[in-house]
């Protein structure tokens, strides 16, 4: 990322073999070319509507397309006709990009000068007017006779700055590539233009090297050609593969939607929640599982002093997959006026564990700090086990506080005759709704009068919905920005037992089936056959071959990426999958699509990345409705490997200026820590593969059942009876140790760069000889250059927050039965594994096993 942003000016380099010199726009920063795109590497999969060629006066040919979503209209010289009709089919995805390195957009009003790009392109009406002004100035300078023949060419070339592929035409899709002064031309078009209008380039370009080639037609047109001929003008106007899905979210050959990410915050310890104040400041607050909440300003700088710190009261541990801890936070809808916020966290009293919902107020003299003495305990619920703790808090449009609890833990909800989830007199396994307004005197909360079980003596009046296992991350739909459709719908991801994960639409009084049903299938035979169950099926359920611990998300309703409007985006903690659902409003059915990171150069915009850490913990919206998610590389409450990512659609953005915000002023008393991004764009030819999540270290008091993965299941069109089939299994929960769900099945095969520690008997965990997996085999690491920075990389991989010591000279024994795989390892300390550090090469070394390296790791900071 730093290499993309740090485009420092340099002296103009000498051209390399095969490179054409002199392609620098006035004011551009000339730096060495690095793009090596080859012909035949782009294109979409679905065919576009047919194009027909239209003559438009001297030297001008246009392409007019039937249907929408593409570039309508274009111009080419007459000599380009044969080439336009003989375009080949391309094999990869198109990559529209503007000269500001951002996606194209639909102008807010039609363009008057470059009208062919009114539907979709890179120009605002103001930019279009500026191009018209340049066109008029050009007409005043060129000889009238020459202008009569060449005005069409001038219009063609000027308007390519508005093309959705302007960055390709001007060699600007890579920020390290110098901008052209004129767009890249197809050879046949250039040869035709050269015949009558080559003198026009003296007015269009300040490039004297181009002027010097004016007398040699072949060299002149080679100079103006593009390395990637798929994008030259005017061929790209009628290239079906570039235009068929233009402006739509692109899917790869497997149907995976290609999106990108922007890093927003890093160095977090299991970031479980991110909320905003809805007060016009556009601050956001990120909560860590250990019990700290950090305040961030709109520029992504973080306040050094925590917004909230209750880490001394929060019950959690360094164990990977421990579900206890600080689990949820919600700011009151009137936070700007009353300063109230509510938190959900685990506490312990002796051998008993409880979940606690507390109210706090912001400090009277610092709007970015909570008054820790203001805590009032609103509700406490005893937990019979240490898992399935729920943790979501939300305020609805009705102003009430919604609380999402787990079923109490263990496997199969074994509490009582029907389990906690089906017991209306229990608060576990429920969605609760309470009124916390006007609670300064009298009760700490009241029951809304329209709660569904008010007046039922066999039910707790707080219950809003029942039959849930462990809902992890829920959200209210903001509604369509234009029509308001969908507003108020409550989406939840409910973590399953041993077969299915599900997404539910929660309704007042709804029963969501657990433990009678898991997903669409029966779990408890007797309960499932009970006619009085009357449960509501999920809108979507997926089997464990796709993931084992759902993380609920949000329906995108932001301003910046119109194509994502209405798309419900969620993920899975264990598999690392990002997924989406889109509703067919006519049938009520939901269409599933996986989300992948963009292939090739799809995400090659400055500041964007195409990879993320695999353990997807939570999703969030900012005050403007833009979408984020949080994940980590090590799912431990003490490992600072968590990152907040913003979801980006590279196919289309809103018109510049439409989504501009003006944050209210924030009085800051704490020191600000500037945001420094750490993640980098990874160049790959195909879609970035989903990150692999290893099964976390086993946490206390948990079993590890397994399950065979049935095919994915969408919600049926109508309710049909299902055969009662027993699926209950012994042991705890399945699926991987995320805070909301289950511990994993057997560990997967090690990934490249995985590490393990081998230690003599009797030593504590966290110390031992380092062995690394590379090239399909395990091996040792030589201690040449081995230091605490390299040790820190290993310790973080293993779930430890700190490296106490880097050991040498085979302190923990020699691994003589293994090859030596790494030598001269030098790390910065932020790498994900040792293979990302510099080293002599896998298998290359000049040492013996008596120099095997080791580490001593710790969950505690050795400097404290």
Foldseek 3Di string as FASTA:
>chain_A
DCVQPPQDADPADDDDPPAFDQFAAVPWRHFDDDDDDAAQQEFADDFAAAWDWDDDDAQWIWTAGPDDQFQGIATFGPLCVVVLVVDDHGDHHAAFAALQLFFKAQEPAAADQLRSCNGIWHDHNVRSVVLVVLLVVLCVPDDVVLCVNCSNVSSRFSCLNGHSRSCQQQVNNRVNHHGGLTGAADLSRQLNCLVRPLVSVVSSGVRVVLVVCSVPSVVNNSSRHGNHNCPHPPSVNRRRRNTRNFLFQGATPVQAGAWWWFFQFFQAQQFQDKAEQLPQQLWIWTAFQLAFIWIAGPLSWTFPDTQTHPNVFADFAQFFLQLFGWHEKDAQNVCVPFQKIKTWGWGDDVPWIKIWIWIWGCDPVASSHTDVVRIDTQDIATAPDRALAATYWDAFPVRKIKGAGAQRFFAQQPPPDQHSQPQQAHPHQAIFIWHQPPCPDDHRIHAPPVQPCVPPPRHDSRGFEGAAHRWAAKDFACAAPVPRPRGGWIWTWGAFFAWKTAIAGDHGHAHAQPPQDTQPAGADQVVLPDPPRPHDHGQWMFTPVQAHAWHFEYQQRAAWRVNSHQWGWTAHQAFLWIKIWHADVVLRHIDIHTHFHDAASNQSRPSIAGADARGWNHKYATSRRWIKTKGANTNTSLARGIIIMTIGRRSYTHPPPPSDGDGDDHDDDGDIGRHDDDDDHDGHRHTDDRDHHWATRDDPPFWADHYDYDGIDGDDSDDDRDNRDHDGDDTGGHHGSRSGGHGYHDTDDDDAQAWDADADPPDDPQKHFIWGDHPRDIAFEFCACPWQLQLLLNQSNNSAHGWPTKDWQQPRHFPVVHAHFWYPQDHPNPDNGSVPTDTPGTRDDDDDRSGTMMTHGHNDDPVD
